[in-house]
């Protein structure tokens, strides 16, 4: 039988290290014990057979992490990337050594 209890969110994670798909976790503290909530596939990258661009948010988060070479959103600070743009705005970000660019305007335009 389910029960209802209070919890404090101790930490959060956006990650791609669980089965290679984007997922989110809330780590909960019940006051003496804890538990994780999440693990659902929020986005399947192009390497998956069932990939479809159905989640703009998932694709944006995934590509930022992929370009920076991290498996968690919280690991982005301190990473070096390339930037394409000017003072008017950034058009794209790219991996520091690979020819891998993320241009949201191109990637996120309406799908046929």
PDB file of N, CA and C in Angstrom:
ATOM      1  N   UNK A   1       0.846  -1.185   0.000  1.00  0.00           N
ATOM      2  CA  UNK A   1       0.000   0.000   0.000  1.00  0.00           C
ATOM      3  C   UNK A   1       0.889   1.245   0.000  1.00  0.00           C
ATOM      4  N   UNK A   2       0.543   2.215  -0.796  1.00  0.00           N
ATOM      5  CA  UNK A   2       1.296   3.457  -0.882  1.00  0.00           C
ATOM      6  C   UNK A   2       1.084   4.308   0.355  1.00  0.00           C
ATOM      7  N   UNK A   3       2.136   5.058   0.692  1.00  0.00           N
ATOM      8  CA  UNK A   3       2.013   6.012   1.791  1.00  0.00           C
ATOM      9  C   UNK A   3       2.484   7.368   1.306  1.00  0.00           C
ATOM     10  N   UNK A   4       2.051   8.399   1.976  1.00  0.00           N
ATOM     11  CA  UNK A   4       2.448   9.763   1.648  1.00  0.00           C
ATOM     12  C   UNK A   4       3.320  10.278   2.772  1.00  0.00           C
ATOM     13  N   UNK A   5       4.498  10.815   2.397  1.00  0.00           N
ATOM     14  CA  UNK A   5       5.373  11.402   3.405  1.00  0.00           C
ATOM     15  C   UNK A   5       6.090  12.604   2.806  1.00  0.00           C
ATOM     16  N   UNK A   6       6.626  13.451   3.648  1.00  0.00           N
ATOM     17  CA  UNK A   6       7.345  14.633   3.217  1.00  0.00           C
ATOM     18  C   UNK A   6       8.794  14.284   2.920  1.00  0.00           C
ATOM     19  N   UNK A   7       9.391  15.014   1.982  1.00  0.00           N
ATOM     20  CA  UNK A   7      10.795  14.822   1.625  1.00  0.00           C
ATOM     21  C   UNK A   7      11.391  16.162   1.222  1.00  0.00           C
ATOM     22  N   UNK A   8      12.692  16.284   1.397  1.00  0.00           N
ATOM     23  CA  UNK A   8      13.439  17.453   0.947  1.00  0.00           C
ATOM     24  C   UNK A   8      14.255  17.024  -0.267  1.00  0.00           C
ATOM     25  N   UNK A   9      14.203  17.819  -1.346  1.00  0.00           N
ATOM     26  CA  UNK A   9      15.034  17.535  -2.516  1.00  0.00           C
ATOM     27  C   UNK A   9      16.462  17.906  -2.146  1.00  0.00           C
ATOM     28  N   UNK A  10      17.327  16.910  -2.078  1.00  0.00           N
ATOM     29  CA  UNK A  10      18.709  17.091  -1.662  1.00  0.00           C
ATOM     30  C   UNK A  10      19.598  17.515  -2.831  1.00  0.00           C
ATOM     31  N   UNK A  11      19.368  16.944  -4.004  1.00  0.00           N
ATOM     32  CA  UNK A  11      20.139  17.296  -5.195  1.00  0.00           C
ATOM     33  C   UNK A  11      19.360  16.868  -6.434  1.00  0.00           C
ATOM     34  N   UNK A  12      19.806  17.367  -7.571  1.00  0.00           N
ATOM     35  CA  UNK A  12      19.188  17.015  -8.852  1.00  0.00           C
ATOM     36  C   UNK A  12      20.283  16.687  -9.853  1.00  0.00           C
ATOM     37  N   UNK A  13      19.940  15.879 -10.839  1.00  0.00           N
ATOM     38  CA  UNK A  13      20.887  15.510 -11.891  1.00  0.00           C
ATOM     39  C   UNK A  13      20.176  15.383 -13.217  1.00  0.00           C
ATOM     40  N   UNK A  14      20.737  15.991 -14.254  1.00  0.00           N
ATOM     41  CA  UNK A  14      20.394  15.677 -15.634  1.00  0.00           C
ATOM     42  C   UNK A  14      21.581  14.873 -16.125  1.00  0.00           C
ATOM     43  N   UNK A  15      21.335  13.686 -16.667  1.00  0.00           N
ATOM     44  CA  UNK A  15      22.443  12.809 -17.018  1.00  0.00           C
ATOM     45  C   UNK A  15      22.136  11.985 -18.260  1.00  0.00           C
ATOM     46  N   UNK A  16      23.194  11.529 -18.913  1.00  0.00           N
ATOM     47  CA  UNK A  16      23.021  10.583 -20.017  1.00  0.00           C
ATOM     48  C   UNK A  16      23.788   9.304 -19.744  1.00  0.00           C
ATOM     49  N   UNK A  17      24.192   9.080 -18.502  1.00  0.00           N
ATOM     50  CA  UNK A  17      24.988   7.896 -18.193  1.00  0.00           C
ATOM     51  C   UNK A  17      24.152   6.673 -17.829  1.00  0.00           C
ATOM     52  N   UNK A  18      22.848   6.775 -17.834  1.00  0.00           N
ATOM     53  CA  UNK A  18      21.982   5.640 -17.554  1.00  0.00           C
ATOM     54  C   UNK A  18      21.392   5.139 -18.869  1.00  0.00           C
ATOM     55  N   UNK A  19      21.975   4.131 -19.449  1.00  0.00           N
ATOM     56  CA  UNK A  19      21.541   3.531 -20.712  1.00  0.00           C
ATOM     57  C   UNK A  19      21.734   4.440 -21.925  1.00  0.00           C
ATOM     58  N   UNK A  20      22.493   5.523 -21.800  1.00  0.00           N
ATOM     59  CA  UNK A  20      22.805   6.379 -22.943  1.00  0.00           C
ATOM     60  C   UNK A  20      21.692   7.288 -23.403  1.00  0.00           C
ATOM     61  N   UNK A  21      20.656   7.460 -22.613  1.00  0.00           N
ATOM     62  CA  UNK A  21      19.579   8.382 -22.969  1.00  0.00           C
ATOM     63  C   UNK A  21      19.501   9.464 -21.891  1.00  0.00           C
ATOM     64  N   UNK A  22      18.893  10.574 -22.217  1.00  0.00           N
ATOM     65  CA  UNK A  22      18.778  11.668 -21.262  1.00  0.00           C
ATOM     66  C   UNK A  22      17.757  11.311 -20.187  1.00  0.00           C
ATOM     67  N   UNK A  23      18.159  11.485 -18.942  1.00  0.00           N
ATOM     68  CA  UNK A  23      17.231  11.263 -17.839  1.00  0.00           C
ATOM     69  C   UNK A  23      17.491  12.285 -16.739  1.00  0.00           C
ATOM     70  N   UNK A  24      16.530  12.422 -15.859  1.00  0.00           N
ATOM     71  CA  UNK A  24      16.642  13.369 -14.749  1.00  0.00           C
ATOM     72  C   UNK A  24      16.361  12.630 -13.452  1.00  0.00           C
ATOM     73  N   UNK A  25      17.019  13.086 -12.393  1.00  0.00           N
ATOM     74  CA  UNK A  25      16.836  12.491 -11.072  1.00  0.00           C
ATOM     75  C   UNK A  25      16.665  13.565 -10.024  1.00  0.00           C
ATOM     76  N   UNK A  26      15.775  13.319  -9.093  1.00  0.00           N
ATOM     77  CA  UNK A  26      15.660  14.106  -7.869  1.00  0.00           C
ATOM     78  C   UNK A  26      16.097  13.185  -6.743  1.00  0.00           C
ATOM     79  N   UNK A  27      17.100  13.585  -5.979  1.00  0.00           N
ATOM     80  CA  UNK A  27      17.533  12.799  -4.829  1.00  0.00           C
ATOM     81  C   UNK A  27      16.815  13.367  -3.606  1.00  0.00           C
ATOM     82  N   UNK A  28      16.050  12.528  -2.934  1.00  0.00           N
ATOM     83  CA  UNK A  28      15.159  12.958  -1.868  1.00  0.00           C
ATOM     84  C   UNK A  28      15.668  12.512  -0.502  1.00  0.00           C
ATOM     85  N   UNK A  29      15.497  13.375   0.483  1.00  0.00           N
ATOM     86  CA  UNK A  29      15.876  13.080   1.871  1.00  0.00           C
ATOM     87  C   UNK A  29      14.606  13.061   2.706  1.00  0.00           C
ATOM     88  N   UNK A  30      14.363  11.908   3.346  1.00  0.00           N
ATOM     89  CA  UNK A  30      13.195  11.756   4.199  1.00  0.00           C
ATOM     90  C   UNK A  30      13.497  12.098   5.657  1.00  0.00           C
ATOM     91  N   UNK A  31      14.728  12.512   5.923  1.00  0.00           N
ATOM     92  CA  UNK A  31      15.129  12.767   7.296  1.00  0.00           C
ATOM     93  C   UNK A  31      15.645  11.481   7.917  1.00  0.00           C
ATOM     94  N   UNK A  32      16.807  11.074   7.526  1.00  0.00           N
ATOM     95  CA  UNK A  32      17.377   9.827   8.034  1.00  0.00           C
ATOM     96  C   UNK A  32      17.519   8.763   6.967  1.00  0.00           C
ATOM     97  N   UNK A  33      16.749   8.859   5.927  1.00  0.00           N
ATOM     98  CA  UNK A  33      16.868   7.942   4.791  1.00  0.00           C
ATOM     99  C   UNK A  33      16.624   8.728   3.519  1.00  0.00           C
ATOM    100  N   UNK A  34      16.979   8.167   2.391  1.00  0.00           N
ATOM    101  CA  UNK A  34      16.815   8.867   1.125  1.00  0.00           C
ATOM    102  C   UNK A  34      16.413   7.924   0.016  1.00  0.00           C
ATOM    103  N   UNK A  35      16.083   8.538  -1.122  1.00  0.00           N
ATOM    104  CA  UNK A  35      15.625   7.751  -2.257  1.00  0.00           C
ATOM    105  C   UNK A  35      15.720   8.622  -3.494  1.00  0.00           C
ATOM    106  N   UNK A  36      15.943   8.004  -4.661  1.00  0.00           N
ATOM    107  CA  UNK A  36      15.979   8.727  -5.928  1.00  0.00           C
ATOM    108  C   UNK A  36      14.654   8.610  -6.659  1.00  0.00           C
ATOM    109  N   UNK A  37      14.253   9.695  -7.290  1.00  0.00           N
ATOM    110  CA  UNK A  37      13.035   9.715  -8.111  1.00  0.00           C
ATOM    111  C   UNK A  37      13.437  10.130  -9.511  1.00  0.00           C
ATOM    112  N   UNK A  38      13.085   9.346 -10.523  1.00  0.00           N
ATOM    113  CA  UNK A  38      13.386   9.693 -11.902  1.00  0.00           C
ATOM    114  C   UNK A  38      13.842   8.487 -12.682  1.00  0.00           C
ATOM    115  N   UNK A  39      14.760   8.734 -13.625  1.00  0.00           N
ATOM    116  CA  UNK A  39      15.292   7.665 -14.446  1.00  0.00           C
ATOM    117  C   UNK A  39      14.508   7.385 -15.715  1.00  0.00           C
ATOM    118  N   UNK A  40      13.496   8.168 -15.996  1.00  0.00           N
ATOM    119  CA  UNK A  40      12.716   7.983 -17.216  1.00  0.00           C
ATOM    120  C   UNK A  40      13.490   8.532 -18.414  1.00  0.00           C
ATOM    121  N   UNK A  41      13.371   7.890 -19.556  1.00  0.00           N
ATOM    122  CA  UNK A  41      14.022   8.369 -20.779  1.00  0.00           C
ATOM    123  C   UNK A  41      13.308   9.640 -21.235  1.00  0.00           C
ATOM    124  N   UNK A  42      14.001  10.774 -21.133  1.00  0.00           N
ATOM    125  CA  UNK A  42      13.434  12.053 -21.540  1.00  0.00           C
ATOM    126  C   UNK A  42      13.758  12.395 -22.990  1.00  0.00           C
ATOM    127  N   UNK A  43      14.820  11.768 -23.495  1.00  0.00           N
ATOM    128  CA  UNK A  43      15.243  12.041 -24.865  1.00  0.00           C
ATOM    129  C   UNK A  43      16.098  10.892 -25.354  1.00  0.00           C
ATOM    130  N   UNK A  44      15.828  10.403 -26.558  1.00  0.00           N
ATOM    131  CA  UNK A  44      16.638   9.365 -27.190  1.00  0.00           C
ATOM    132  C   UNK A  44      17.490  10.022 -28.269  1.00  0.00           C
ATOM    133  N   UNK A  45      18.821   9.958 -28.158  1.00  0.00           N
ATOM    134  CA  UNK A  45      19.688  10.574 -29.162  1.00  0.00           C
ATOM    135  C   UNK A  45      19.638   9.808 -30.487  1.00  0.00           C
ATOM    136  N   UNK A  46      20.295  10.350 -31.495  1.00  0.00           N
ATOM    137  CA  UNK A  46      20.270   9.776 -32.841  1.00  0.00           C
ATOM    138  C   UNK A  46      20.783   8.355 -32.908  1.00  0.00           C
ATOM    139  N   UNK A  47      21.594   7.938 -31.944  1.00  0.00           N
ATOM    140  CA  UNK A  47      22.125   6.574 -31.949  1.00  0.00           C
ATOM    141  C   UNK A  47      21.052   5.524 -31.642  1.00  0.00           C
ATOM    142  N   UNK A  48      19.892   5.936 -31.158  1.00  0.00           N
ATOM    143  CA  UNK A  48      18.794   5.009 -30.872  1.00  0.00           C
ATOM    144  C   UNK A  48      17.922   4.831 -32.115  1.00  0.00           C
ATOM    145  N   UNK A  49      17.458   3.599 -32.344  1.00  0.00           N
ATOM    146  CA  UNK A  49      16.605   3.312 -33.502  1.00  0.00           C
ATOM    147  C   UNK A  49      15.296   4.087 -33.463  1.00  0.00           C
ATOM    148  N   UNK A  50      14.789   4.371 -32.272  1.00  0.00           N
ATOM    149  CA  UNK A  50      13.502   5.045 -32.124  1.00  0.00           C
ATOM    150  C   UNK A  50      13.645   6.555 -31.974  1.00  0.00           C
ATOM    151  N   UNK A  51      14.807   7.119 -32.362  1.00  0.00           N
ATOM    152  CA  UNK A  51      15.038   8.562 -32.224  1.00  0.00           C
ATOM    153  C   UNK A  51      14.043   9.360 -33.062  1.00  0.00           C
ATOM    154  N   UNK A  52      13.445  10.349 -32.436  1.00  0.00           N
ATOM    155  CA  UNK A  52      12.614  11.340 -33.107  1.00  0.00           C
ATOM    156  C   UNK A  52      12.780  12.619 -32.321  1.00  0.00           C
ATOM    157  N   UNK A  53      12.806  13.737 -33.017  1.00  0.00           N
ATOM    158  CA  UNK A  53      12.930  15.015 -32.324  1.00  0.00           C
ATOM    159  C   UNK A  53      11.539  15.435 -31.849  1.00  0.00           C
ATOM    160  N   UNK A  54      11.159  14.893 -30.687  1.00  0.00           N
ATOM    161  CA  UNK A  54       9.858  15.206 -30.120  1.00  0.00           C
ATOM    162  C   UNK A  54       9.977  16.093 -28.890  1.00  0.00           C
ATOM    163  N   UNK A  55      11.184  16.235 -28.383  1.00  0.00           N
ATOM    164  CA  UNK A  55      11.395  17.025 -27.185  1.00  0.00           C
ATOM    165  C   UNK A  55      12.452  18.082 -27.452  1.00  0.00           C
ATOM    166  N   UNK A  56      12.010  19.302 -27.690  1.00  0.00           N
ATOM    167  CA  UNK A  56      12.938  20.407 -27.927  1.00  0.00           C
ATOM    168  C   UNK A  56      13.832  20.606 -26.707  1.00  0.00           C
ATOM    169  N   UNK A  57      13.260  20.563 -25.521  1.00  0.00           N
ATOM    170  CA  UNK A  57      14.043  20.756 -24.296  1.00  0.00           C
ATOM    171  C   UNK A  57      15.067  19.641 -24.139  1.00  0.00           C
ATOM    172  N   UNK A  58      14.647  18.406 -24.351  1.00  0.00           N
ATOM    173  CA  UNK A  58      15.561  17.276 -24.235  1.00  0.00           C
ATOM    174  C   UNK A  58      16.693  17.367 -25.239  1.00  0.00           C
ATOM    175  N   UNK A  59      16.374  17.746 -26.474  1.00  0.00           N
ATOM    176  CA  UNK A  59      17.405  17.861 -27.509  1.00  0.00           C
ATOM    177  C   UNK A  59      18.395  18.972 -27.168  1.00  0.00           C
ATOM    178  N   UNK A  60      17.917  20.113 -26.706  1.00  0.00           N
ATOM    179  CA  UNK A  60      18.802  21.227 -26.347  1.00  0.00           C
ATOM    180  C   UNK A  60      19.761  20.811 -25.230  1.00  0.00           C
ATOM    181  N   UNK A  61      19.224  20.231 -24.168  1.00  0.00           N
ATOM    182  CA  UNK A  61      20.050  19.799 -23.037  1.00  0.00           C
ATOM    183  C   UNK A  61      21.054  18.742 -23.500  1.00  0.00           C
ATOM    184  N   UNK A  62      20.579  17.733 -24.248  1.00  0.00           N
ATOM    185  CA  UNK A  62      21.439  16.653 -24.714  1.00  0.00           C
ATOM    186  C   UNK A  62      22.598  17.199 -25.545  1.00  0.00           C
ATOM    187  N   UNK A  63      22.299  18.054 -26.510  1.00  0.00           N
ATOM    188  CA  UNK A  63      23.346  18.550 -27.409  1.00  0.00           C
ATOM    189  C   UNK A  63      24.346  19.431 -26.672  1.00  0.00           C
ATOM    190  N   UNK A  64      23.907  20.243 -25.727  1.00  0.00           N
ATOM    191  CA  UNK A  64      24.852  21.045 -24.938  1.00  0.00           C
ATOM    192  C   UNK A  64      25.799  20.124 -24.182  1.00  0.00           C
ATOM    193  N   UNK A  65      25.270  19.071 -23.571  1.00  0.00           N
ATOM    194  CA  UNK A  65      26.106  18.127 -22.836  1.00  0.00           C
ATOM    195  C   UNK A  65      27.045  17.381 -23.783  1.00  0.00           C
ATOM    196  N   UNK A  66      26.536  16.983 -24.933  1.00  0.00           N
ATOM    197  CA  UNK A  66      27.333  16.231 -25.901  1.00  0.00           C
ATOM    198  C   UNK A  66      28.482  17.071 -26.448  1.00  0.00           C
ATOM    199  N   UNK A  67      28.199  18.312 -26.816  1.00  0.00           N
ATOM    200  CA  UNK A  67      29.223  19.200 -27.350  1.00  0.00           C
ATOM    201  C   UNK A  67      30.313  19.466 -26.315  1.00  0.00           C
ATOM    202  N   UNK A  68      29.934  19.603 -25.061  1.00  0.00           N
ATOM    203  CA  UNK A  68      30.907  19.873 -23.996  1.00  0.00           C
ATOM    204  C   UNK A  68      31.613  18.606 -23.516  1.00  0.00           C
ATOM    205  N   UNK A  69      31.104  17.439 -23.899  1.00  0.00           N
ATOM    206  CA  UNK A  69      31.729  16.188 -23.516  1.00  0.00           C
ATOM    207  C   UNK A  69      31.485  15.781 -22.077  1.00  0.00           C
ATOM    208  N   UNK A  70      30.275  16.047 -21.572  1.00  0.00           N
ATOM    209  CA  UNK A  70      29.944  15.673 -20.198  1.00  0.00           C
ATOM    210  C   UNK A  70      28.731  14.754 -20.186  1.00  0.00           C
ATOM    211  N   UNK A  71      28.592  14.008 -19.106  1.00  0.00           N
ATOM    212  CA  UNK A  71      27.440  13.122 -18.972  1.00  0.00           C
ATOM    213  C   UNK A  71      26.433  13.653 -17.953  1.00  0.00           C
ATOM    214  N   UNK A  72      26.754  14.767 -17.293  1.00  0.00           N
ATOM    215  CA  UNK A  72      25.826  15.407 -16.360  1.00  0.00           C
ATOM    216  C   UNK A  72      25.821  16.915 -16.580  1.00  0.00           C
ATOM    217  N   UNK A  73      24.650  17.513 -16.520  1.00  0.00           N
ATOM    218  CA  UNK A  73      24.476  18.954 -16.684  1.00  0.00           C
ATOM    219  C   UNK A  73      25.343  19.736 -15.696  1.00  0.00           C
ATOM    220  N   UNK A  74      25.445  19.232 -14.486  1.00  0.00           N
ATOM    221  CA  UNK A  74      26.201  19.928 -13.439  1.00  0.00           C
ATOM    222  C   UNK A  74      27.702  19.959 -13.714  1.00  0.00           C
ATOM    223  N   UNK A  75      28.164  19.177 -14.681  1.00  0.00           N
ATOM    224  CA  UNK A  75      29.596  19.149 -15.014  1.00  0.00           C
ATOM    225  C   UNK A  75      29.955  20.112 -16.152  1.00  0.00           C
ATOM    226  N   UNK A  76      29.006  20.894 -16.644  1.00  0.00           N
ATOM    227  CA  UNK A  76      29.284  21.849 -17.716  1.00  0.00           C
ATOM    228  C   UNK A  76      30.217  22.992 -17.304  1.00  0.00           C
ATOM    229  N   UNK A  77      30.053  23.562 -16.101  1.00  0.00           N
ATOM    230  CA  UNK A  77      30.941  24.667 -15.732  1.00  0.00           C
ATOM    231  C   UNK A  77      32.417  24.255 -15.793  1.00  0.00           C
ATOM    232  N   UNK A  78      33.224  25.104 -16.432  1.00  0.00           N
ATOM    233  CA  UNK A  78      34.657  24.852 -16.551  1.00  0.00           C
ATOM    234  C   UNK A  78      35.058  24.158 -17.847  1.00  0.00           C
ATOM    235  N   UNK A  79      34.099  23.629 -18.610  1.00  0.00           N
ATOM    236  CA  UNK A  79      34.415  22.971 -19.874  1.00  0.00           C
ATOM    237  C   UNK A  79      34.678  24.011 -20.955  1.00  0.00           C
ATOM    238  N   UNK A  80      35.604  23.729 -21.873  1.00  0.00           N
ATOM    239  CA  UNK A  80      35.939  24.623 -22.969  1.00  0.00           C
ATOM    240  C   UNK A  80      35.220  24.167 -24.227  1.00  0.00           C
ATOM    241  N   UNK A  81      34.577  25.102 -24.899  1.00  0.00           N
ATOM    242  CA  UNK A  81      33.876  24.830 -26.153  1.00  0.00           C
ATOM    243  C   UNK A  81      34.246  25.902 -27.166  1.00  0.00           C
ATOM    244  N   UNK A  82      33.850  25.706 -28.418  1.00  0.00           N
ATOM    245  CA  UNK A  82      33.990  26.746 -29.440  1.00  0.00           C
ATOM    246  C   UNK A  82      32.635  27.438 -29.590  1.00  0.00           C
ATOM    247  N   UNK A  83      32.684  28.683 -30.013  1.00  0.00           N
ATOM    248  CA  UNK A  83      31.461  29.473 -30.169  1.00  0.00           C
ATOM    249  C   UNK A  83      31.481  30.123 -31.551  1.00  0.00           C
ATOM    250  N   UNK A  84      30.332  30.047 -32.261  1.00  0.00           N
ATOM    251  CA  UNK A  84      30.190  30.717 -33.553  1.00  0.00           C
ATOM    252  C   UNK A  84      29.118  31.783 -33.402  1.00  0.00           C
ATOM    253  N   UNK A  85      29.493  33.023 -33.666  1.00  0.00           N
ATOM    254  CA  UNK A  85      28.557  34.125 -33.541  1.00  0.00           C
ATOM    255  C   UNK A  85      29.279  35.449 -33.516  1.00  0.00           C
ATOM    256  N   UNK A  86      28.576  36.467 -33.060  1.00  0.00           N
ATOM    257  CA  UNK A  86      29.163  37.793 -32.949  1.00  0.00           C
ATOM    258  C   UNK A  86      28.555  38.490 -31.748  1.00  0.00           C
ATOM    259  N   UNK A  87      28.801  39.787 -31.646  1.00  0.00           N
ATOM    260  CA  UNK A  87      28.279  40.535 -30.494  1.00  0.00           C
ATOM    261  C   UNK A  87      26.755  40.537 -30.441  1.00  0.00           C
ATOM    262  N   UNK A  88      26.137  40.273 -31.580  1.00  0.00           N
ATOM    263  CA  UNK A  88      24.684  40.244 -31.646  1.00  0.00           C
ATOM    264  C   UNK A  88      24.081  38.962 -31.084  1.00  0.00           C
ATOM    265  N   UNK A  89      24.900  37.934 -30.925  1.00  0.00           N
ATOM    266  CA  UNK A  89      24.404  36.676 -30.377  1.00  0.00           C
ATOM    267  C   UNK A  89      25.223  35.488 -30.826  1.00  0.00           C
ATOM    268  N   UNK A  90      25.039  34.401 -30.156  1.00  0.00           N
ATOM    269  CA  UNK A  90      25.726  33.162 -30.476  1.00  0.00           C
ATOM    270  C   UNK A  90      24.834  32.325 -31.369  1.00  0.00           C
ATOM    271  N   UNK A  91      25.369  31.925 -32.500  1.00  0.00           N
ATOM    272  CA  UNK A  91      24.634  31.119 -33.468  1.00  0.00           C
ATOM    273  C   UNK A  91      24.744  29.629 -33.152  1.00  0.00           C
ATOM    274  N   UNK A  92      25.930  29.206 -32.691  1.00  0.00           N
ATOM    275  CA  UNK A  92      26.166  27.785 -32.445  1.00  0.00           C
ATOM    276  C   UNK A  92      27.303  27.608 -31.441  1.00  0.00           C
ATOM    277  N   UNK A  93      27.293  26.434 -30.798  1.00  0.00           N
ATOM    278  CA  UNK A  93      28.421  26.049 -29.956  1.00  0.00           C
ATOM    279  C   UNK A  93      28.985  24.762 -30.533  1.00  0.00           C
ATOM    280  N   UNK A  94      30.304  24.561 -30.352  1.00  0.00           N
ATOM    281  CA  UNK A  94      30.938  23.383 -30.923  1.00  0.00           C
ATOM    282  C   UNK A  94      31.909  22.727 -29.966  1.00  0.00           C
ATOM    283  N   UNK A  95      32.138  21.442 -30.209  1.00  0.00           N
ATOM    284  CA  UNK A  95      33.113  20.676 -29.438  1.00  0.00           C
ATOM    285  C   UNK A  95      34.486  21.309 -29.654  1.00  0.00           C
ATOM    286  N   UNK A  96      35.324  21.285 -28.656  1.00  0.00           N
ATOM    287  CA  UNK A  96      36.602  21.968 -28.699  1.00  0.00           C
ATOM    288  C   UNK A  96      37.552  21.379 -29.744  1.00  0.00           C
ATOM    289  N   UNK A  97      37.491  20.071 -30.040  1.00  0.00           N
ATOM    290  CA  UNK A  97      38.392  19.485 -31.035  1.00  0.00           C
ATOM    291  C   UNK A  97      37.667  18.752 -32.169  1.00  0.00           C
ATOM    292  N   UNK A  98      36.494  18.232 -31.926  1.00  0.00           N
ATOM    293  CA  UNK A  98      35.735  17.531 -32.965  1.00  0.00           C
ATOM    294  C   UNK A  98      34.947  18.537 -33.794  1.00  0.00           C
ATOM    295  N   UNK A  99      34.630  18.157 -35.016  1.00  0.00           N
ATOM    296  CA  UNK A  99      33.777  18.991 -35.855  1.00  0.00           C
ATOM    297  C   UNK A  99      32.317  18.654 -35.542  1.00  0.00           C
ATOM    298  N   UNK A 100      31.882  19.021 -34.353  1.00  0.00           N
ATOM    299  CA  UNK A 100      30.530  18.746 -33.873  1.00  0.00           C
ATOM    300  C   UNK A 100      29.945  20.053 -33.369  1.00  0.00           C
ATOM    301  N   UNK A 101      29.013  20.597 -34.129  1.00  0.00           N
ATOM    302  CA  UNK A 101      28.400  21.892 -33.815  1.00  0.00           C
ATOM    303  C   UNK A 101      26.929  21.722 -33.485  1.00  0.00           C
ATOM    304  N   UNK A 102      26.462  22.497 -32.524  1.00  0.00           N
ATOM    305  CA  UNK A 102      25.044  22.542 -32.189  1.00  0.00           C
ATOM    306  C   UNK A 102      24.536  23.940 -32.497  1.00  0.00           C
ATOM    307  N   UNK A 103      23.698  24.009 -33.517  1.00  0.00           N
ATOM    308  CA  UNK A 103      23.050  25.260 -33.918  1.00  0.00           C
ATOM    309  C   UNK A 103      21.548  25.077 -33.700  1.00  0.00           C
ATOM    310  N   UNK A 104      21.021  25.578 -32.574  1.00  0.00           N
ATOM    311  CA  UNK A 104      19.604  25.370 -32.289  1.00  0.00           C
ATOM    312  C   UNK A 104      18.676  25.824 -33.411  1.00  0.00           C
ATOM    313  N   UNK A 105      19.010  26.918 -34.073  1.00  0.00           N
ATOM    314  CA  UNK A 105      18.134  27.404 -35.151  1.00  0.00           C
ATOM    315  C   UNK A 105      17.955  26.343 -36.228  1.00  0.00           C
ATOM    316  N   UNK A 106      19.016  25.612 -36.554  1.00  0.00           N
ATOM    317  CA  UNK A 106      18.929  24.559 -37.561  1.00  0.00           C
ATOM    318  C   UNK A 106      18.313  23.279 -37.002  1.00  0.00           C
ATOM    319  N   UNK A 107      18.792  22.855 -35.825  1.00  0.00           N
ATOM    320  CA  UNK A 107      18.336  21.593 -35.244  1.00  0.00           C
ATOM    321  C   UNK A 107      16.870  21.611 -34.833  1.00  0.00           C
ATOM    322  N   UNK A 108      16.402  22.758 -34.381  1.00  0.00           N
ATOM    323  CA  UNK A 108      15.065  22.808 -33.777  1.00  0.00           C
ATOM    324  C   UNK A 108      13.986  23.391 -34.678  1.00  0.00           C
ATOM    325  N   UNK A 109      14.325  23.623 -35.949  1.00  0.00           N
ATOM    326  CA  UNK A 109      13.267  24.114 -36.830  1.00  0.00           C
ATOM    327  C   UNK A 109      12.221  23.031 -37.018  1.00  0.00           C
ATOM    328  N   UNK A 110      11.044  23.448 -37.345  1.00  0.00           N
ATOM    329  CA  UNK A 110       9.905  22.535 -37.398  1.00  0.00           C
ATOM    330  C   UNK A 110      10.192  21.333 -38.274  1.00  0.00           C
ATOM    331  N   UNK A 111       9.901  20.163 -37.756  1.00  0.00           N
ATOM    332  CA  UNK A 111      10.116  18.899 -38.470  1.00  0.00           C
ATOM    333  C   UNK A 111       8.959  18.665 -39.436  1.00  0.00           C
ATOM    334  N   UNK A 112       9.245  18.024 -40.601  1.00  0.00           N
ATOM    335  CA  UNK A 112       8.170  17.744 -41.575  1.00  0.00           C
ATOM    336  C   UNK A 112       7.145  16.776 -41.039  1.00  0.00           C
TER     337      UNK A 112
END
